[in-house]
Amino acid sequence: MDSKQIEALVTAEDPTAAAARGSPLPVETIPHSVYESAAQHVRSQLSGRELPRVALICGKGLQGVAEGLEGTVVEIPFTDIPGFVSSTVLKSTGRLVFGEISGTPVVCIVGRCHYYEGYSMKHITFPIRVLSLVGAKVLVVTSAVSGIAQDLDLGDVVVVKDHISLPTLAGLNPLIGPNFAQLGPRLPSMYNAYTFALRKLAFKVFLANTELQKKSVRMREAVYCYTTGPSTETRAECLALRSLGAEVIGSSTVPEVIVARHSGLDVLCLGLVTSVVAQGTEPSAEEAARAALNGTPQPKTTASEEDDILARKGSVKKGHQRPNDLNLLIRLIVDQL
């Protein structure tokens, strides 16, 4: 076997050989025609009704908005739409739910998919691009998050003001690959990914609503850190992320936000804190062993080796009472868009 035959064999088996010769690596992409086909299918199911201006991603346990839509409600299962994939972590099939909130036409994405399920970044962000082609101008994202800031508690609502995306910084970006000018620019800016005017509106609505104030709902801005999951972060990782400025952690949201901004949509992201990091001092195994050998009391710490870094604290019930409050907040915000 001569050198050219060897080179051909290596190239066939190892795509990095092509890169070494200056050829780009093969990158998974979805043809623009597939996005158009999906958008056309969605339009055909709406029977000439007004197309939605607002798209809402309903996070896990936060489907109340979709269940309370007004007007003539139309549901389209993901399985009926070209290019859509279905979540493997939900018992029911994902769907698009079309309806109205205070006369504003909206669409709710129920059953979002995650990268950790094994789908590509292109697939989990596919619905956002399709809805932008259908006519959506605003994306409202809801998500269950884990709090790592020391002042966060179960049931707190956070308005995401910025994000830290370790997967994106490491090269896992949904925009990698050929760019379709019909969808957005080649090099979109994420410097102000979360629209200030929408964040301001969220706080105006929240502060003016007596029902939410009477329930002592707490809301604050926070920096969201995206990790792929599905395993949670270690104690050291949480401390490191906190030192970088992260305040809440989640395994969704950011890929969709990047694609939404690429498509020119304004973005508002609201998170519900459903778990918080154990804040206690980590026990020392060495000190515990010395105490056991010496027959002395084990050193006191504010945590134990059984503590989960994302252990639930306080009232778990309190954390699960807030979805209705968050759904009310979203309805009030959409009413003023």
Protein backbone atom coordinates (compact mmCIF):
# COMPACT_ATOMS: atom_id res chain seq x y z
CA MET A 1 0.00 0.00 0.00
CA ASP A 2 1.57 3.29 -1.11
CA SER A 3 1.48 6.63 0.70
CA LYS A 4 -1.52 7.97 -1.26
CA GLN A 5 -3.57 4.89 -0.43
CA ILE A 6 -2.67 5.22 3.26
CA GLU A 7 -3.64 8.90 3.22
CA ALA A 8 -7.00 8.08 1.61
CA LEU A 9 -7.69 5.43 4.26
CA VAL A 10 -6.85 7.79 7.13
CA THR A 11 -9.02 10.54 5.65
CA ALA A 12 -11.96 8.20 5.34
CA GLU A 13 -11.67 7.03 8.92
CA ASP A 14 -10.54 10.24 10.64
CA PRO A 15 -12.13 13.56 9.54
CA THR A 16 -9.39 15.53 11.31
CA ALA A 17 -7.07 14.48 8.51
CA ALA A 18 -9.10 16.65 6.16
CA ALA A 19 -8.73 19.60 8.53
CA ALA A 20 -4.96 19.08 8.58
CA ARG A 21 -4.95 19.67 4.82
CA GLY A 22 -7.00 22.84 5.14
CA SER A 23 -10.48 21.38 4.52
CA PRO A 24 -13.21 22.23 7.06
CA LEU A 25 -14.50 19.54 9.35
CA PRO A 26 -17.96 18.21 8.54
CA VAL A 27 -20.53 20.10 10.65
CA GLU A 28 -24.08 18.97 11.20
CA THR A 29 -26.55 21.41 9.76
CA ILE A 30 -30.22 21.60 8.86
CA PRO A 31 -31.01 22.93 5.37
CA HIS A 32 -32.91 26.20 5.26
CA SER A 33 -35.61 24.43 3.25
CA VAL A 34 -36.46 22.31 6.31
CA TYR A 35 -37.02 25.42 8.42
CA GLU A 36 -39.26 26.83 5.68
CA SER A 37 -41.20 23.56 5.38
CA ALA A 38 -41.83 23.51 9.12
CA ALA A 39 -42.92 27.16 9.13
CA GLN A 40 -45.25 26.54 6.21
CA HIS A 41 -46.80 23.55 7.98
CA VAL A 42 -47.42 25.64 11.10
CA ARG A 43 -49.03 28.43 9.05
CA SER A 44 -51.29 25.91 7.31
CA GLN A 45 -52.64 24.72 10.66
CA LEU A 46 -53.63 28.20 11.81
CA SER A 47 -56.43 28.61 9.22
CA GLY A 48 -55.72 32.24 8.39
CA ARG A 49 -55.81 33.42 12.02
CA GLU A 50 -53.45 36.17 13.19
CA LEU A 51 -49.93 34.81 13.57
CA PRO A 52 -48.35 34.95 17.04
CA ARG A 53 -46.11 37.89 17.93
CA VAL A 54 -44.99 36.37 21.22
CA ALA A 55 -43.47 32.91 21.72
CA LEU A 56 -43.23 31.44 25.21
CA ILE A 57 -41.09 28.49 26.24
CA CYS A 58 -42.79 26.73 29.14
CA GLY A 59 -40.20 25.21 31.45
CA LYS A 60 -40.73 22.02 33.40
CA GLY A 61 -43.73 22.41 35.70
CA LEU A 62 -44.50 25.82 34.21
CA GLN A 63 -47.12 24.91 31.59
CA GLY A 64 -49.86 26.89 33.32
CA VAL A 65 -49.73 29.69 30.76
CA ALA A 66 -50.35 27.26 27.91
CA GLU A 67 -53.24 25.67 29.80
CA GLY A 68 -54.90 29.05 30.33
CA LEU A 69 -54.75 30.52 26.83
CA GLU A 70 -57.83 32.36 25.61
CA GLY A 71 -59.63 32.42 22.28
CA THR A 72 -59.60 29.52 19.86
CA VAL A 73 -56.75 27.28 20.98
CA VAL A 74 -54.85 25.23 18.40
CA GLU A 75 -52.36 22.53 19.37
CA ILE A 76 -49.81 21.07 16.95
CA PRO A 77 -47.80 18.05 18.18
CA PHE A 78 -44.07 18.18 17.49
CA THR A 79 -44.41 14.84 15.72
CA ASP A 80 -46.55 16.51 13.02
CA ILE A 81 -44.04 19.24 12.21
CA PRO A 82 -41.10 18.56 9.84
CA GLY A 83 -37.75 18.77 11.65
CA PHE A 84 -39.14 18.86 15.20
CA VAL A 85 -37.93 16.33 17.78
CA SER A 86 -39.69 15.29 20.99
CA SER A 87 -38.39 15.34 24.54
CA THR A 88 -37.41 12.01 26.07
CA VAL A 89 -37.91 13.25 29.64
CA LEU A 90 -41.63 13.96 29.36
CA LYS A 91 -44.48 11.46 29.36
CA SER A 92 -46.50 13.49 26.86
CA THR A 93 -45.51 14.55 23.36
CA GLY A 94 -44.16 18.08 22.96
CA ARG A 95 -46.47 20.52 21.23
CA LEU A 96 -47.01 24.07 20.07
CA VAL A 97 -50.08 25.65 21.65
CA PHE A 98 -51.56 28.71 19.93
CA GLY A 99 -54.02 31.06 21.60
CA GLU A 100 -54.33 34.53 23.07
CA ILE A 101 -53.43 36.40 26.24
CA SER A 102 -55.51 39.54 26.66
CA GLY A 103 -56.05 39.67 22.92
CA THR A 104 -52.37 39.21 22.04
CA PRO A 105 -51.74 36.16 19.80
CA VAL A 106 -49.12 33.91 21.38
CA VAL A 107 -47.64 30.45 20.95
CA CYS A 108 -46.41 28.29 23.81
CA ILE A 109 -43.67 25.71 23.37
CA VAL A 110 -44.55 22.87 25.73
CA GLY A 111 -42.02 20.06 26.07
CA ARG A 112 -38.71 21.70 25.12
CA CYS A 113 -35.81 19.37 24.33
CA HIS A 114 -32.39 19.48 25.98
CA TYR A 115 -28.90 18.81 24.71
CA TYR A 116 -28.37 16.17 27.40
CA GLU A 117 -31.11 14.05 25.81
CA GLY A 118 -28.74 13.36 22.94
CA TYR A 119 -30.08 15.86 20.43
CA SER A 120 -27.85 18.32 18.61
CA MET A 121 -27.85 22.04 19.32
CA LYS A 122 -29.49 22.52 15.92
CA HIS A 123 -32.41 20.28 16.89
CA ILE A 124 -33.11 21.76 20.31
CA THR A 125 -33.17 25.29 18.88
CA PHE A 126 -35.11 24.35 15.74
CA PRO A 127 -38.51 25.53 17.10
CA ILE A 128 -37.18 29.04 17.78
CA ARG A 129 -36.04 29.56 14.22
CA VAL A 130 -39.29 28.17 12.85
CA LEU A 131 -41.40 30.48 15.01
CA SER A 132 -39.28 33.46 14.00
CA LEU A 133 -40.11 32.60 10.37
CA VAL A 134 -43.78 32.32 11.34
CA GLY A 135 -43.66 35.88 12.69
CA ALA A 136 -42.72 35.88 16.38
CA LYS A 137 -40.93 39.03 17.52
CA VAL A 138 -40.58 38.37 21.26
CA LEU A 139 -39.40 35.26 23.09
CA VAL A 140 -40.31 34.76 26.74
CA VAL A 141 -38.43 31.87 28.35
CA THR A 142 -39.34 30.25 31.64
CA SER A 143 -37.14 27.74 33.37
CA ALA A 144 -36.62 25.97 36.67
CA VAL A 145 -33.19 26.96 38.00
CA SER A 146 -30.85 26.09 40.86
CA GLY A 147 -29.70 28.98 43.03
CA ILE A 148 -26.02 29.27 43.92
CA ALA A 149 -26.06 32.88 45.14
CA GLN A 150 -26.17 32.97 48.91
CA ASP A 151 -29.24 35.20 49.07
CA LEU A 152 -31.49 33.03 46.91
CA ASP A 153 -34.15 30.75 48.36
CA LEU A 154 -36.71 28.27 47.07
CA GLY A 155 -39.56 29.95 45.27
CA ASP A 156 -37.65 33.09 44.32
CA VAL A 157 -38.23 34.41 40.81
CA VAL A 158 -35.20 35.63 38.89
CA VAL A 159 -35.10 37.87 35.85
CA VAL A 160 -32.05 36.79 33.87
CA LYS A 161 -29.93 39.80 32.99
CA ASP A 162 -27.00 37.96 31.44
CA HIS A 163 -25.52 34.51 31.11
CA ILE A 164 -22.30 32.55 31.32
CA SER A 165 -22.30 29.62 28.92
CA LEU A 166 -19.42 27.24 29.46
CA PRO A 167 -20.46 24.96 26.55
CA THR A 168 -20.59 27.93 24.18
CA LEU A 169 -17.19 29.20 25.28
CA ALA A 170 -15.84 25.70 24.71
CA GLY A 171 -17.18 25.58 21.15
CA LEU A 172 -20.67 24.11 21.54
CA ASN A 173 -22.66 26.92 19.95
CA PRO A 174 -25.94 26.37 18.07
CA LEU A 175 -24.81 28.86 15.41
CA ILE A 176 -21.75 26.85 14.38
CA GLY A 177 -21.99 25.76 10.77
CA PRO A 178 -23.25 27.42 7.60
CA ASN A 179 -25.13 30.66 8.24
CA PHE A 180 -28.40 31.31 6.46
CA ALA A 181 -28.73 35.04 5.86
CA GLN A 182 -32.52 34.59 5.81
CA LEU A 183 -32.35 33.66 9.51
CA GLY A 184 -29.77 36.13 10.82
CA PRO A 185 -26.26 37.59 10.53
CA ARG A 186 -23.07 35.53 10.51
CA LEU A 187 -21.64 37.20 13.63
CA PRO A 188 -24.49 38.25 15.95
CA SER A 189 -23.71 40.12 19.17
CA MET A 190 -24.75 38.60 22.48
CA TYR A 191 -23.49 41.53 24.53
CA ASN A 192 -27.03 42.55 25.46
CA ALA A 193 -28.79 39.24 24.94
CA TYR A 194 -31.60 39.91 27.43
CA THR A 195 -33.64 42.92 26.36
CA PHE A 196 -33.46 45.69 28.96
CA ALA A 197 -36.88 47.12 28.11
CA LEU A 198 -38.50 43.74 28.75
CA ARG A 199 -36.67 43.31 32.06
CA LYS A 200 -37.79 46.77 33.12
CA LEU A 201 -41.37 45.93 32.13
CA ALA A 202 -41.24 42.72 34.17
CA PHE A 203 -40.26 44.63 37.30
CA LYS A 204 -42.84 47.38 36.70
CA VAL A 205 -45.59 44.76 36.43
CA PHE A 206 -44.31 42.86 39.45
CA LEU A 207 -43.96 45.88 41.72
CA ALA A 208 -47.39 47.23 40.74
CA ASN A 209 -49.29 43.98 41.38
CA THR A 210 -50.73 43.86 44.90
CA GLU A 211 -51.50 40.13 44.71
CA LEU A 212 -47.86 39.21 44.12
CA GLN A 213 -46.71 41.64 46.80
CA LYS A 214 -49.15 40.23 49.37
CA LYS A 215 -47.83 36.73 48.70
CA SER A 216 -44.30 37.97 49.47
CA VAL A 217 -43.00 36.81 46.11
CA ARG A 218 -39.35 37.78 45.83
CA MET A 219 -37.95 38.76 42.43
CA ARG A 220 -34.44 39.91 41.51
CA GLU A 221 -32.09 40.03 38.55
CA ALA A 222 -29.51 37.28 38.21
CA VAL A 223 -26.78 35.91 35.97
CA TYR A 224 -27.66 32.48 34.56
CA CYS A 225 -24.97 29.85 34.05
CA TYR A 226 -25.63 27.23 31.39
CA THR A 227 -24.23 23.73 31.87
CA THR A 228 -25.25 20.81 29.70
CA GLY A 229 -26.35 18.40 32.46
CA PRO A 230 -27.87 15.97 33.13
CA SER A 231 -25.65 15.48 36.20
CA THR A 232 -25.59 18.37 38.64
CA GLU A 233 -22.50 20.35 39.53
CA THR A 234 -20.01 19.39 42.21
CA ARG A 235 -19.39 21.53 45.27
CA ALA A 236 -16.12 22.83 43.80
CA GLU A 237 -17.80 23.61 40.47
CA CYS A 238 -20.53 25.61 42.18
CA LEU A 239 -17.97 27.60 44.11
CA ALA A 240 -15.99 28.23 40.94
CA LEU A 241 -19.06 29.33 39.00
CA ARG A 242 -20.11 31.64 41.83
CA SER A 243 -16.66 33.24 41.75
CA LEU A 244 -17.19 33.90 38.03
CA GLY A 245 -20.39 35.78 38.79
CA ALA A 246 -23.00 33.08 38.21
CA GLU A 247 -26.04 33.22 40.48
CA VAL A 248 -28.32 30.51 39.09
CA ILE A 249 -27.60 27.36 37.09
CA GLY A 250 -29.63 25.48 34.51
CA SER A 251 -29.36 23.04 31.62
CA SER A 252 -31.55 24.84 29.09
CA THR A 253 -32.44 28.35 27.93
CA VAL A 254 -29.13 29.66 26.61
CA PRO A 255 -29.10 27.78 23.26
CA GLU A 256 -32.62 29.05 22.55
CA VAL A 257 -31.69 32.59 23.59
CA ILE A 258 -28.67 32.63 21.28
CA VAL A 259 -30.75 31.51 18.31
CA ALA A 260 -33.55 33.94 19.18
CA ARG A 261 -31.15 36.87 19.26
CA HIS A 262 -29.57 35.66 16.01
CA SER A 263 -33.08 35.78 14.51
CA GLY A 264 -33.71 39.30 15.79
CA LEU A 265 -36.14 38.46 18.58
CA ASP A 266 -36.30 40.41 21.82
CA VAL A 267 -35.81 38.10 24.82
CA LEU A 268 -37.10 37.96 28.39
CA CYS A 269 -36.08 35.06 30.63
CA LEU A 270 -37.74 34.30 33.96
CA GLY A 271 -36.42 31.58 36.23
CA LEU A 272 -38.04 29.88 39.20
CA VAL A 273 -35.63 28.72 41.90
CA THR A 274 -36.59 25.10 42.66
CA SER A 275 -33.36 24.06 44.41
CA VAL A 276 -30.51 25.85 46.16
CA VAL A 277 -26.91 25.03 46.90
CA ALA A 278 -26.09 23.83 50.39
CA GLN A 279 -24.14 26.74 51.88
CA GLY A 280 -22.48 24.89 54.74
CA THR A 281 -18.76 24.39 55.31
CA GLU A 282 -17.47 21.21 53.69
CA PRO A 283 -16.42 18.63 56.30
CA SER A 284 -12.81 17.49 56.44
CA ALA A 285 -12.39 13.74 56.05
CA GLU A 286 -8.86 13.94 57.56
CA GLU A 287 -10.03 15.78 60.67
CA ALA A 288 -12.92 13.37 61.09
CA ALA A 289 -10.55 10.39 60.82
CA ARG A 290 -8.10 11.87 63.37
CA ALA A 291 -10.98 12.52 65.76
CA ALA A 292 -12.16 8.93 65.39
CA LEU A 293 -8.66 7.56 66.05
CA ASN A 294 -8.17 9.79 69.08
CA GLY A 295 -11.61 9.11 70.47
CA THR A 296 -12.50 12.79 70.43
CA PRO A 297 -15.72 14.35 69.14
CA GLN A 298 -15.91 14.80 65.40
CA PRO A 299 -15.25 18.43 64.35
CA LYS A 300 -18.45 20.42 63.96
CA THR A 301 -19.33 21.72 60.51
CA THR A 302 -22.44 23.31 59.05
CA ALA A 303 -22.72 20.51 56.49
CA SER A 304 -22.19 16.78 56.33
CA GLU A 305 -20.71 14.40 53.82
CA GLU A 306 -24.29 13.40 52.92
CA ASP A 307 -25.20 16.95 51.89
CA ASP A 308 -26.14 17.21 48.23
CA ILE A 309 -24.66 20.34 46.67
CA LEU A 310 -28.15 21.01 45.30
CA ALA A 311 -30.02 19.89 48.43
CA ARG A 312 -33.44 21.42 48.87
CA LYS A 313 -33.59 23.86 51.76
CA GLY A 314 -36.44 25.52 53.57
CA SER A 315 -39.95 24.64 52.48
CA VAL A 316 -40.09 22.53 49.33
CA LYS A 317 -43.81 23.20 49.21
CA LYS A 318 -43.13 26.92 49.02
CA GLY A 319 -41.02 26.39 45.93
CA HIS A 320 -43.82 24.48 44.24
CA GLN A 321 -46.48 27.10 45.03
CA ARG A 322 -44.76 29.70 42.87
CA PRO A 323 -45.53 28.42 39.34
CA ASN A 324 -49.00 29.97 39.54
CA ASP A 325 -47.46 33.27 40.63
CA LEU A 326 -44.97 33.14 37.77
CA ASN A 327 -47.74 32.33 35.29
CA LEU A 328 -49.71 35.34 36.54
CA LEU A 329 -46.65 37.54 36.10
CA ILE A 330 -46.16 36.33 32.52
CA ARG A 331 -49.79 37.02 31.62
CA LEU A 332 -49.52 40.55 33.03
CA ILE A 333 -46.31 41.17 31.07
CA VAL A 334 -47.75 39.92 27.78
CA ASP A 335 -50.81 42.09 28.36
CA GLN A 336 -48.57 45.17 28.17
CA LEU A 337 -46.41 44.15 25.21
